[in-house]
Amino acid sequence: LLGAGIYFGDAPATSAKYTSPCSFTNQRYMLVSRVALGRVHKTTTKLPPTTTEPPKGFDSVHAVKSSGHFVDDEFCVYSTTQQRLQYLVEFTLTTDAKTTQPPLPISIKPQHHSSIDTVILDDSSVPSSLPSSVEPYTKPKSTKCGLFGKNNVPVPLLNTSVKVKIMDMVARVNIFQQFKSEGTDTTEAKYQ
């Protein structure tokens, strides 16, 4: 409608029209952003799809509601520096069908290192090489991680469980660990 830019609405209902439910969780996602509109060019007509910047002398474009072409007020900026993401909102609409998809299976392999247990997610599906534009991961210097009591004595780890919820391109990972302290000393947790 306004070319190749980043679109925003001033009402959640406007943005909700551009969402669709996730096939696994039936959740929808919307970003709440802070947008620097600057000098706004108001329009009642569509702009060419090849538009990549606002008209000269303006910083953004406002598609005015009820002007024949636009059902809602919509705003468009053409530079990523004019917006800052603040929140990711997860929601469903009453019209969305309920999903019965099972969660994705995640395999976990416990590995033992001296007295500290580490849980590693199965990474067999991770590609072995990255595009040249992506910097490869470099393993940090070895750090003794875990829960430690007085005099840097490790507190035994009894159990670790990982709960992963994958929602399209977003993932929520919760790691639960249970330790058993043998004494009454204070402890310090170190994670890397």
N, C-alpha and C. Protein backbone atom coordinates (compact mmCIF):
# COMPACT_ATOMS: atom_id res chain seq x y z
N LEU A 1 0.80 -1.20 0.00
CA LEU A 1 0.00 0.00 0.00
C LEU A 1 0.84 1.27 0.00
N LEU A 2 1.96 1.24 0.76
CA LEU A 2 2.81 2.43 0.87
C LEU A 2 4.25 2.13 0.43
N GLY A 3 4.46 1.04 -0.25
CA GLY A 3 5.78 0.70 -0.74
C GLY A 3 6.53 -0.25 0.18
N ALA A 4 7.84 -0.32 -0.01
CA ALA A 4 8.70 -1.25 0.73
C ALA A 4 9.20 -0.57 1.99
N GLY A 5 8.39 -0.59 3.04
CA GLY A 5 8.76 0.03 4.31
C GLY A 5 8.35 -0.85 5.47
N ILE A 6 8.44 -0.30 6.66
CA ILE A 6 8.04 -1.00 7.88
C ILE A 6 6.72 -0.38 8.31
N TYR A 7 5.68 -1.20 8.41
CA TYR A 7 4.33 -0.71 8.65
C TYR A 7 3.95 -0.82 10.12
N PHE A 8 3.18 0.17 10.59
CA PHE A 8 2.70 0.21 11.97
C PHE A 8 1.26 0.67 11.98
N GLY A 9 0.53 0.26 13.01
CA GLY A 9 -0.84 0.73 13.21
C GLY A 9 -0.93 1.39 14.56
N ASP A 10 -1.89 2.31 14.72
CA ASP A 10 -2.05 2.95 16.02
C ASP A 10 -3.09 2.21 16.88
N ALA A 11 -3.63 1.11 16.36
CA ALA A 11 -4.59 0.30 17.11
C ALA A 11 -4.20 -1.17 16.97
N PRO A 12 -4.25 -1.93 18.06
CA PRO A 12 -3.89 -3.36 17.97
C PRO A 12 -4.73 -4.11 16.93
N ALA A 13 -5.98 -3.75 16.77
CA ALA A 13 -6.85 -4.44 15.81
C ALA A 13 -6.30 -4.31 14.38
N THR A 14 -5.68 -3.19 14.08
CA THR A 14 -5.09 -3.00 12.74
C THR A 14 -3.96 -4.01 12.53
N SER A 15 -3.06 -4.10 13.50
CA SER A 15 -1.93 -5.02 13.37
C SER A 15 -2.37 -6.48 13.41
N ALA A 16 -3.40 -6.78 14.20
CA ALA A 16 -3.88 -8.16 14.32
C ALA A 16 -4.35 -8.70 12.97
N LYS A 17 -4.81 -7.84 12.09
CA LYS A 17 -5.26 -8.28 10.75
C LYS A 17 -4.12 -8.87 9.93
N TYR A 18 -2.89 -8.50 10.27
CA TYR A 18 -1.73 -8.98 9.53
C TYR A 18 -1.08 -10.21 10.17
N THR A 19 -1.71 -10.79 11.18
CA THR A 19 -1.16 -11.96 11.85
C THR A 19 -1.92 -13.21 11.42
N SER A 20 -1.29 -14.34 11.64
CA SER A 20 -1.95 -15.63 11.43
C SER A 20 -1.51 -16.55 12.57
N PRO A 21 -2.36 -17.52 12.94
CA PRO A 21 -1.99 -18.39 14.06
C PRO A 21 -0.87 -19.36 13.71
N CYS A 22 -0.03 -19.64 14.69
CA CYS A 22 1.03 -20.62 14.57
C CYS A 22 0.39 -22.00 14.39
N SER A 23 0.95 -22.83 13.52
CA SER A 23 0.34 -24.13 13.25
C SER A 23 0.45 -25.10 14.43
N PHE A 24 1.40 -24.88 15.37
CA PHE A 24 1.55 -25.79 16.50
C PHE A 24 0.82 -25.30 17.75
N THR A 25 0.94 -24.03 18.06
CA THR A 25 0.40 -23.53 19.32
C THR A 25 -0.88 -22.72 19.16
N ASN A 26 -1.18 -22.33 17.93
CA ASN A 26 -2.35 -21.50 17.65
C ASN A 26 -2.18 -20.08 18.19
N GLN A 27 -0.99 -19.72 18.65
CA GLN A 27 -0.73 -18.38 19.15
C GLN A 27 -0.42 -17.45 17.98
N ARG A 28 -0.72 -16.18 18.18
CA ARG A 28 -0.34 -15.13 17.23
C ARG A 28 0.67 -14.23 17.93
N TYR A 29 1.43 -13.50 17.16
CA TYR A 29 2.46 -12.63 17.73
C TYR A 29 2.39 -11.25 17.11
N MET A 30 2.57 -10.24 17.95
CA MET A 30 2.55 -8.86 17.51
C MET A 30 3.67 -8.13 18.25
N LEU A 31 4.35 -7.25 17.55
CA LEU A 31 5.40 -6.45 18.18
C LEU A 31 4.85 -5.09 18.54
N VAL A 32 5.19 -4.62 19.73
CA VAL A 32 4.87 -3.25 20.13
C VAL A 32 6.17 -2.49 20.00
N SER A 33 6.14 -1.41 19.24
CA SER A 33 7.36 -0.66 18.94
C SER A 33 7.19 0.82 19.26
N ARG A 34 8.31 1.45 19.50
CA ARG A 34 8.35 2.91 19.61
C ARG A 34 8.82 3.39 18.25
N VAL A 35 8.05 4.29 17.61
CA VAL A 35 8.34 4.70 16.25
C VAL A 35 8.55 6.21 16.19
N ALA A 36 9.64 6.63 15.57
CA ALA A 36 9.93 8.06 15.36
C ALA A 36 9.40 8.43 13.98
N LEU A 37 8.21 9.02 13.95
CA LEU A 37 7.58 9.36 12.67
C LEU A 37 8.17 10.63 12.05
N GLY A 38 8.64 11.56 12.88
CA GLY A 38 9.19 12.82 12.34
C GLY A 38 8.12 13.59 11.60
N ARG A 39 8.51 14.20 10.48
CA ARG A 39 7.54 14.93 9.64
C ARG A 39 6.75 13.91 8.83
N VAL A 40 5.43 13.92 9.00
CA VAL A 40 4.57 12.88 8.43
C VAL A 40 3.86 13.40 7.17
N HIS A 41 3.98 12.63 6.10
CA HIS A 41 3.24 12.91 4.86
C HIS A 41 1.93 12.12 4.91
N LYS A 42 0.78 12.82 4.90
CA LYS A 42 -0.52 12.15 4.92
C LYS A 42 -0.95 11.88 3.48
N THR A 43 -1.49 10.67 3.27
CA THR A 43 -1.95 10.31 1.93
C THR A 43 -3.28 9.58 2.00
N THR A 44 -4.07 9.76 0.95
CA THR A 44 -5.35 9.04 0.83
C THR A 44 -5.30 8.08 -0.35
N THR A 45 -4.13 8.00 -0.98
CA THR A 45 -3.97 7.09 -2.12
C THR A 45 -2.79 6.17 -1.89
N LYS A 46 -2.82 5.03 -2.55
CA LYS A 46 -1.71 4.07 -2.45
C LYS A 46 -0.47 4.62 -3.14
N LEU A 47 0.69 4.21 -2.65
CA LEU A 47 1.96 4.58 -3.28
C LEU A 47 2.45 3.41 -4.12
N PRO A 48 3.29 3.65 -5.11
CA PRO A 48 3.81 2.55 -5.93
C PRO A 48 4.55 1.53 -5.06
N PRO A 49 4.46 0.24 -5.40
CA PRO A 49 5.15 -0.80 -4.62
C PRO A 49 6.66 -0.63 -4.59
N THR A 50 7.21 0.12 -5.52
CA THR A 50 8.66 0.33 -5.58
C THR A 50 9.13 1.47 -4.67
N THR A 51 8.21 2.11 -3.95
CA THR A 51 8.57 3.22 -3.06
C THR A 51 9.46 2.70 -1.93
N THR A 52 10.62 3.33 -1.74
CA THR A 52 11.57 2.90 -0.69
C THR A 52 11.91 4.02 0.28
N GLU A 53 11.29 5.18 0.11
CA GLU A 53 11.52 6.30 1.02
C GLU A 53 10.32 7.24 0.98
N PRO A 54 10.15 8.04 2.04
CA PRO A 54 9.01 8.97 2.04
C PRO A 54 9.25 10.08 1.02
N PRO A 55 8.21 10.83 0.68
CA PRO A 55 8.39 11.96 -0.24
C PRO A 55 9.41 12.95 0.33
N LYS A 56 10.07 13.71 -0.54
CA LYS A 56 11.08 14.69 -0.11
C LYS A 56 10.51 15.62 0.95
N GLY A 57 11.31 15.86 1.99
CA GLY A 57 10.89 16.76 3.07
C GLY A 57 10.12 16.07 4.18
N PHE A 58 9.90 14.74 4.05
CA PHE A 58 9.14 13.99 5.06
C PHE A 58 9.97 12.80 5.56
N ASP A 59 9.59 12.32 6.77
CA ASP A 59 10.29 11.19 7.38
C ASP A 59 9.47 9.91 7.38
N SER A 60 8.16 10.02 7.19
CA SER A 60 7.27 8.85 7.22
C SER A 60 6.00 9.17 6.43
N VAL A 61 5.19 8.14 6.25
CA VAL A 61 3.92 8.30 5.52
C VAL A 61 2.79 7.79 6.39
N HIS A 62 1.68 8.52 6.41
CA HIS A 62 0.46 8.15 7.14
C HIS A 62 -0.65 7.89 6.14
N ALA A 63 -1.09 6.63 6.05
CA ALA A 63 -2.24 6.29 5.22
C ALA A 63 -3.48 6.60 6.05
N VAL A 64 -4.26 7.58 5.61
CA VAL A 64 -5.39 8.08 6.39
C VAL A 64 -6.60 7.15 6.26
N LYS A 65 -7.14 6.78 7.42
CA LYS A 65 -8.31 5.89 7.52
C LYS A 65 -9.52 6.49 6.80
N SER A 66 -10.36 5.60 6.26
CA SER A 66 -11.63 5.96 5.62
C SER A 66 -11.46 6.92 4.46
N SER A 67 -10.38 6.77 3.73
CA SER A 67 -10.16 7.65 2.59
C SER A 67 -10.37 6.91 1.27
N GLY A 68 -11.11 5.84 1.31
CA GLY A 68 -11.37 5.07 0.11
C GLY A 68 -10.46 3.86 -0.02
N HIS A 69 -9.15 4.04 0.16
CA HIS A 69 -8.21 2.94 0.00
C HIS A 69 -7.84 2.27 1.32
N PHE A 70 -7.97 2.99 2.45
CA PHE A 70 -7.46 2.49 3.71
C PHE A 70 -8.58 2.32 4.74
N VAL A 71 -8.68 1.12 5.30
CA VAL A 71 -9.71 0.81 6.30
C VAL A 71 -9.29 1.35 7.67
N ASP A 72 -7.99 1.34 7.96
CA ASP A 72 -7.46 1.81 9.23
C ASP A 72 -6.34 2.81 8.98
N ASP A 73 -6.00 3.59 10.01
CA ASP A 73 -4.80 4.43 9.94
C ASP A 73 -3.59 3.51 9.97
N GLU A 74 -2.69 3.71 9.04
CA GLU A 74 -1.44 2.95 9.03
C GLU A 74 -0.30 3.92 8.79
N PHE A 75 0.85 3.58 9.36
CA PHE A 75 2.03 4.43 9.25
C PHE A 75 3.16 3.61 8.68
N CYS A 76 4.01 4.25 7.90
CA CYS A 76 5.12 3.54 7.28
C CYS A 76 6.39 4.37 7.41
N VAL A 77 7.46 3.72 7.88
CA VAL A 77 8.79 4.32 7.88
C VAL A 77 9.66 3.47 6.97
N TYR A 78 10.73 4.03 6.47
CA TYR A 78 11.54 3.34 5.49
C TYR A 78 12.96 3.09 5.98
N SER A 79 13.20 3.37 7.26
CA SER A 79 14.52 3.13 7.85
C SER A 79 14.34 2.39 9.17
N THR A 80 15.12 1.33 9.37
CA THR A 80 15.01 0.56 10.62
C THR A 80 15.41 1.39 11.84
N THR A 81 16.17 2.47 11.63
CA THR A 81 16.58 3.30 12.76
C THR A 81 15.45 4.15 13.31
N GLN A 82 14.31 4.18 12.63
CA GLN A 82 13.17 4.97 13.10
C GLN A 82 12.25 4.17 14.01
N GLN A 83 12.59 2.95 14.30
CA GLN A 83 11.73 2.14 15.17
C GLN A 83 12.58 1.36 16.15
N ARG A 84 11.99 1.12 17.31
CA ARG A 84 12.67 0.31 18.34
C ARG A 84 11.64 -0.64 18.93
N LEU A 85 11.94 -1.92 18.87
CA LEU A 85 11.03 -2.93 19.41
C LEU A 85 11.01 -2.82 20.93
N GLN A 86 9.80 -2.91 21.51
CA GLN A 86 9.69 -2.85 22.96
C GLN A 86 9.14 -4.13 23.56
N TYR A 87 8.13 -4.72 22.92
CA TYR A 87 7.50 -5.91 23.48
C TYR A 87 7.10 -6.87 22.36
N LEU A 88 7.10 -8.14 22.70
CA LEU A 88 6.52 -9.18 21.85
C LEU A 88 5.26 -9.64 22.56
N VAL A 89 4.12 -9.48 21.92
CA VAL A 89 2.83 -9.84 22.51
C VAL A 89 2.37 -11.15 21.90
N GLU A 90 2.03 -12.11 22.74
CA GLU A 90 1.50 -13.41 22.32
C GLU A 90 0.01 -13.39 22.60
N PHE A 91 -0.82 -13.73 21.60
CA PHE A 91 -2.26 -13.67 21.80
C PHE A 91 -2.98 -14.65 20.88
N THR A 92 -4.25 -14.87 21.16
CA THR A 92 -5.12 -15.65 20.27
C THR A 92 -6.39 -14.84 20.04
N LEU A 93 -7.05 -15.13 18.95
CA LEU A 93 -8.35 -14.52 18.68
C LEU A 93 -9.43 -15.56 18.94
N THR A 94 -10.60 -15.11 19.33
CA THR A 94 -11.69 -16.06 19.62
C THR A 94 -12.09 -16.85 18.38
N THR A 95 -11.78 -16.33 17.20
CA THR A 95 -12.12 -17.04 15.96
C THR A 95 -11.10 -18.11 15.57
N ASP A 96 -9.96 -18.16 16.26
CA ASP A 96 -8.93 -19.15 15.94
C ASP A 96 -9.36 -20.53 16.40
N ALA A 97 -9.16 -21.53 15.53
CA ALA A 97 -9.48 -22.91 15.89
C ALA A 97 -8.48 -23.41 16.91
N LYS A 98 -8.93 -24.27 17.80
CA LYS A 98 -8.02 -24.85 18.81
C LYS A 98 -7.14 -25.89 18.14
N THR A 99 -5.88 -25.93 18.53
CA THR A 99 -4.94 -26.88 17.95
C THR A 99 -4.77 -28.09 18.86
N THR A 100 -4.48 -29.21 18.26
CA THR A 100 -4.23 -30.42 19.04
C THR A 100 -2.86 -30.99 18.70
N GLN A 101 -1.99 -30.16 18.14
CA GLN A 101 -0.65 -30.61 17.76
C GLN A 101 0.14 -30.97 19.01
N PRO A 102 0.85 -32.10 19.02
CA PRO A 102 1.71 -32.42 20.16
C PRO A 102 2.96 -31.55 20.12
N PRO A 103 3.62 -31.34 21.27
CA PRO A 103 4.85 -30.57 21.27
C PRO A 103 5.94 -31.30 20.50
N LEU A 104 6.90 -30.55 19.99
CA LEU A 104 8.00 -31.15 19.24
C LEU A 104 8.91 -31.94 20.19
N PRO A 105 9.37 -33.13 19.77
CA PRO A 105 10.26 -33.90 20.65
C PRO A 105 11.65 -33.29 20.69
N ILE A 106 12.22 -33.22 21.86
CA ILE A 106 13.59 -32.74 22.06
C ILE A 106 14.34 -33.84 22.80
N SER A 107 15.46 -34.28 22.24
CA SER A 107 16.21 -35.32 22.95
C SER A 107 17.29 -34.66 23.78
N ILE A 108 17.53 -35.20 24.96
CA ILE A 108 18.50 -34.66 25.88
C ILE A 108 19.51 -35.74 26.22
N LYS A 109 20.81 -35.37 26.16
CA LYS A 109 21.87 -36.31 26.48
C LYS A 109 22.62 -35.80 27.71
N PRO A 110 22.50 -36.48 28.87
CA PRO A 110 23.31 -36.05 30.01
C PRO A 110 24.78 -36.42 29.79
N GLN A 111 25.68 -35.53 30.17
CA GLN A 111 27.10 -35.79 30.09
C GLN A 111 27.71 -35.48 31.45
N HIS A 112 28.60 -36.31 31.91
CA HIS A 112 29.17 -36.15 33.24
C HIS A 112 30.59 -35.60 33.15
N HIS A 113 30.86 -34.53 33.90
CA HIS A 113 32.17 -33.92 33.99
C HIS A 113 32.50 -33.79 35.47
N SER A 114 33.40 -34.57 35.96
CA SER A 114 33.77 -34.64 37.38
C SER A 114 32.51 -34.73 38.22
N SER A 115 32.28 -33.79 39.13
CA SER A 115 31.12 -33.89 40.00
C SER A 115 29.96 -33.02 39.54
N ILE A 116 30.09 -32.41 38.34
CA ILE A 116 29.04 -31.51 37.85
C ILE A 116 28.41 -32.14 36.63
N ASP A 117 27.06 -32.19 36.58
CA ASP A 117 26.34 -32.72 35.44
C ASP A 117 25.97 -31.59 34.49
N THR A 118 26.06 -31.87 33.19
CA THR A 118 25.69 -30.90 32.17
C THR A 118 24.68 -31.57 31.25
N VAL A 119 23.66 -30.84 30.84
CA VAL A 119 22.68 -31.37 29.90
C VAL A 119 22.87 -30.66 28.57
N ILE A 120 22.98 -31.44 27.50
CA ILE A 120 23.18 -30.87 26.18
C ILE A 120 22.03 -31.29 25.29
N LEU A 121 21.39 -30.30 24.63
CA LEU A 121 20.33 -30.63 23.67
C LEU A 121 20.96 -31.25 22.44
N ASP A 122 20.28 -32.19 21.83
CA ASP A 122 20.77 -32.86 20.64
C ASP A 122 20.86 -31.84 19.51
N ASP A 123 22.07 -31.61 19.00
CA ASP A 123 22.24 -30.60 17.96
C ASP A 123 22.53 -31.23 16.59
N SER A 124 22.06 -32.46 16.38
CA SER A 124 22.33 -33.15 15.12
C SER A 124 21.67 -32.45 13.93
N SER A 125 20.64 -31.62 14.18
CA SER A 125 19.97 -30.95 13.07
C SER A 125 20.61 -29.60 12.74
N VAL A 126 21.64 -29.18 13.49
CA VAL A 126 22.31 -27.91 13.24
C VAL A 126 23.24 -28.09 12.05
N PRO A 127 23.21 -27.18 11.06
CA PRO A 127 24.09 -27.33 9.90
C PRO A 127 25.55 -27.29 10.31
N SER A 128 26.39 -28.02 9.58
CA SER A 128 27.81 -28.10 9.93
C SER A 128 28.58 -26.88 9.47
N SER A 129 28.03 -26.11 8.52
CA SER A 129 28.72 -24.90 8.08
C SER A 129 27.73 -23.75 8.03
N LEU A 130 28.25 -22.53 8.20
CA LEU A 130 27.43 -21.34 8.20
C LEU A 130 27.71 -20.50 6.97
N PRO A 131 26.75 -19.69 6.54
CA PRO A 131 27.04 -18.77 5.44
C PRO A 131 28.20 -17.85 5.84
N SER A 132 28.95 -17.35 4.87
CA SER A 132 30.13 -16.53 5.16
C SER A 132 29.77 -15.25 5.90
N SER A 133 28.52 -14.79 5.82
CA SER A 133 28.11 -13.56 6.50
C SER A 133 27.87 -13.76 7.99
N VAL A 134 27.84 -15.02 8.46
CA VAL A 134 27.58 -15.31 9.86
C VAL A 134 28.88 -15.68 10.55
N GLU A 135 29.17 -15.00 11.67
CA GLU A 135 30.38 -15.30 12.42
C GLU A 135 30.21 -16.63 13.13
N PRO A 136 31.19 -17.53 13.06
CA PRO A 136 31.07 -18.83 13.73
C PRO A 136 31.13 -18.66 15.25
N TYR A 137 30.48 -19.56 15.94
CA TYR A 137 30.48 -19.56 17.41
C TYR A 137 31.85 -20.00 17.89
N THR A 138 32.41 -19.25 18.81
CA THR A 138 33.67 -19.65 19.42
C THR A 138 33.40 -19.98 20.87
N LYS A 139 33.82 -21.17 21.25
CA LYS A 139 33.57 -21.65 22.60
C LYS A 139 34.35 -20.78 23.60
N PRO A 140 33.66 -20.29 24.65
CA PRO A 140 34.38 -19.48 25.63
C PRO A 140 35.41 -20.30 26.39
N LYS A 141 36.35 -19.60 27.01
CA LYS A 141 37.36 -20.29 27.82
C LYS A 141 36.65 -21.08 28.91
N SER A 142 37.25 -22.19 29.26
CA SER A 142 36.65 -23.09 30.24
C SER A 142 36.40 -22.38 31.56
N THR A 143 35.17 -22.49 32.05
CA THR A 143 34.77 -21.91 33.33
C THR A 143 34.10 -22.99 34.13
N LYS A 144 34.42 -23.05 35.38
CA LYS A 144 33.78 -24.02 36.26
C LYS A 144 32.39 -23.47 36.60
N CYS A 145 31.36 -24.13 36.07
CA CYS A 145 29.99 -23.66 36.26
C CYS A 145 29.24 -24.58 37.20
N GLY A 146 28.18 -24.09 37.78
CA GLY A 146 27.33 -24.88 38.66
C GLY A 146 27.00 -24.12 39.91
N LEU A 147 26.67 -24.83 40.96
CA LEU A 147 26.33 -24.25 42.24
C LEU A 147 27.44 -24.60 43.22
N PHE A 148 27.99 -23.58 43.88
CA PHE A 148 29.15 -23.78 44.75
C PHE A 148 28.87 -23.27 46.16
N GLY A 149 29.35 -24.02 47.13
CA GLY A 149 29.24 -23.62 48.52
C GLY A 149 30.51 -22.94 48.98
N LYS A 150 30.68 -22.89 50.28
CA LYS A 150 31.85 -22.27 50.88
C LYS A 150 33.13 -22.96 50.40
N ASN A 151 34.19 -22.19 50.24
CA ASN A 151 35.49 -22.70 49.78
C ASN A 151 35.41 -23.30 48.37
N ASN A 152 34.44 -22.82 47.58
CA ASN A 152 34.31 -23.23 46.18
C ASN A 152 34.05 -24.73 46.01
N VAL A 153 33.36 -25.34 46.98
CA VAL A 153 33.03 -26.76 46.91
C VAL A 153 31.71 -26.91 46.14
N PRO A 154 31.68 -27.75 45.08
CA PRO A 154 30.45 -27.89 44.30
C PRO A 154 29.32 -28.52 45.11
N VAL A 155 28.10 -27.99 44.90
CA VAL A 155 26.89 -28.59 45.50
C VAL A 155 26.37 -29.59 44.49
N PRO A 156 26.13 -30.85 44.89
CA PRO A 156 25.73 -31.89 43.93
C PRO A 156 24.41 -31.55 43.20
N LEU A 157 24.45 -31.77 41.90
CA LEU A 157 23.27 -31.59 41.06
C LEU A 157 22.51 -32.91 41.03
N LEU A 158 21.24 -32.89 41.47
CA LEU A 158 20.44 -34.11 41.50
C LEU A 158 19.69 -34.35 40.20
N ASN A 159 19.17 -33.26 39.60
CA ASN A 159 18.28 -33.44 38.46
C ASN A 159 18.29 -32.19 37.60
N THR A 160 18.19 -32.37 36.29
CA THR A 160 18.02 -31.26 35.36
C THR A 160 16.93 -31.64 34.38
N SER A 161 16.00 -30.72 34.16
CA SER A 161 15.00 -30.94 33.11
C SER A 161 14.91 -29.68 32.28
N VAL A 162 14.66 -29.86 31.00
CA VAL A 162 14.58 -28.75 30.05
C VAL A 162 13.21 -28.78 29.41
N LYS A 163 12.53 -27.64 29.44
CA LYS A 163 11.22 -27.51 28.80
C LYS A 163 11.39 -26.50 27.67
N VAL A 164 11.14 -26.94 26.44
CA VAL A 164 11.32 -26.09 25.27
C VAL A 164 9.99 -25.95 24.56
N LYS A 165 9.61 -24.71 24.26
CA LYS A 165 8.40 -24.45 23.49
C LYS A 165 8.83 -23.67 22.26
N ILE A 166 8.68 -24.29 21.07
CA ILE A 166 9.07 -23.64 19.83
C ILE A 166 7.80 -23.12 19.16
N MET A 167 7.80 -21.82 18.87
CA MET A 167 6.64 -21.17 18.28
C MET A 167 7.11 -20.44 17.03
N ASP A 168 6.98 -21.06 15.89
CA ASP A 168 7.46 -20.50 14.64
C ASP A 168 8.94 -20.15 14.77
N MET A 169 9.30 -18.86 14.74
CA MET A 169 10.71 -18.47 14.81
C MET A 169 11.12 -18.01 16.21
N VAL A 170 10.27 -18.25 17.20
CA VAL A 170 10.54 -17.85 18.57
C VAL A 170 10.58 -19.11 19.43
N ALA A 171 11.48 -19.16 20.39
CA ALA A 171 11.55 -20.31 21.28
C ALA A 171 11.62 -19.82 22.73
N ARG A 172 10.96 -20.56 23.60
CA ARG A 172 11.05 -20.31 25.03
C ARG A 172 11.70 -21.54 25.64
N VAL A 173 12.81 -21.35 26.36
CA VAL A 173 13.54 -22.45 26.96
C VAL A 173 13.58 -22.23 28.47
N ASN A 174 13.08 -23.19 29.23
CA ASN A 174 13.15 -23.16 30.69
C ASN A 174 14.01 -24.32 31.14
N ILE A 175 15.00 -24.03 31.97
CA ILE A 175 15.87 -25.07 32.51
C ILE A 175 15.64 -25.13 34.01
N PHE A 176 15.30 -26.31 34.50
CA PHE A 176 15.05 -26.52 35.92
C PHE A 176 16.14 -27.43 36.47
N GLN A 177 16.79 -26.99 37.54
CA GLN A 177 17.84 -27.79 38.15
C GLN A 177 17.56 -27.95 39.64
N GLN A 178 17.81 -29.15 40.13
CA GLN A 178 17.62 -29.44 41.55
C GLN A 178 18.97 -29.85 42.14
N PHE A 179 19.37 -29.12 43.17
CA PHE A 179 20.63 -29.38 43.85
C PHE A 179 20.33 -29.86 45.27
N LYS A 180 21.30 -30.57 45.86
CA LYS A 180 21.16 -30.99 47.26
C LYS A 180 22.35 -30.45 48.03
N SER A 181 22.08 -29.50 48.92
CA SER A 181 23.13 -28.92 49.73
C SER A 181 23.38 -29.82 50.93
N GLU A 182 24.64 -30.12 51.16
CA GLU A 182 25.02 -31.00 52.28
C GLU A 182 25.19 -30.24 53.59
N GLY A 183 25.21 -28.92 53.52
CA GLY A 183 25.46 -28.16 54.73
C GLY A 183 24.56 -26.96 54.84
N THR A 184 24.95 -26.02 55.70
CA THR A 184 24.16 -24.81 55.94
C THR A 184 24.86 -23.58 55.40
N ASP A 185 25.96 -23.76 54.66
CA ASP A 185 26.71 -22.62 54.13
C ASP A 185 25.94 -21.94 52.99
N THR A 186 26.28 -20.67 52.75
CA THR A 186 25.69 -19.97 51.62
C THR A 186 26.26 -20.52 50.32
N THR A 187 25.51 -20.37 49.23
CA THR A 187 25.95 -20.90 47.95
C THR A 187 25.97 -19.80 46.91
N GLU A 188 26.69 -20.04 45.81
CA GLU A 188 26.78 -19.10 44.70
C GLU A 188 26.60 -19.86 43.40
N ALA A 189 25.67 -19.40 42.55
CA ALA A 189 25.45 -20.06 41.26
C ALA A 189 26.20 -19.29 40.17
N LYS A 190 26.91 -20.03 39.30
CA LYS A 190 27.64 -19.42 38.18
C LYS A 190 27.18 -20.10 36.90
N TYR A 191 26.67 -19.30 35.96
CA TYR A 191 26.23 -19.85 34.68
C TYR A 191 26.93 -19.09 33.56
N GLN A 192 27.22 -19.81 32.51
CA GLN A 192 27.87 -19.18 31.35
C GLN A 192 27.10 -19.54 30.11
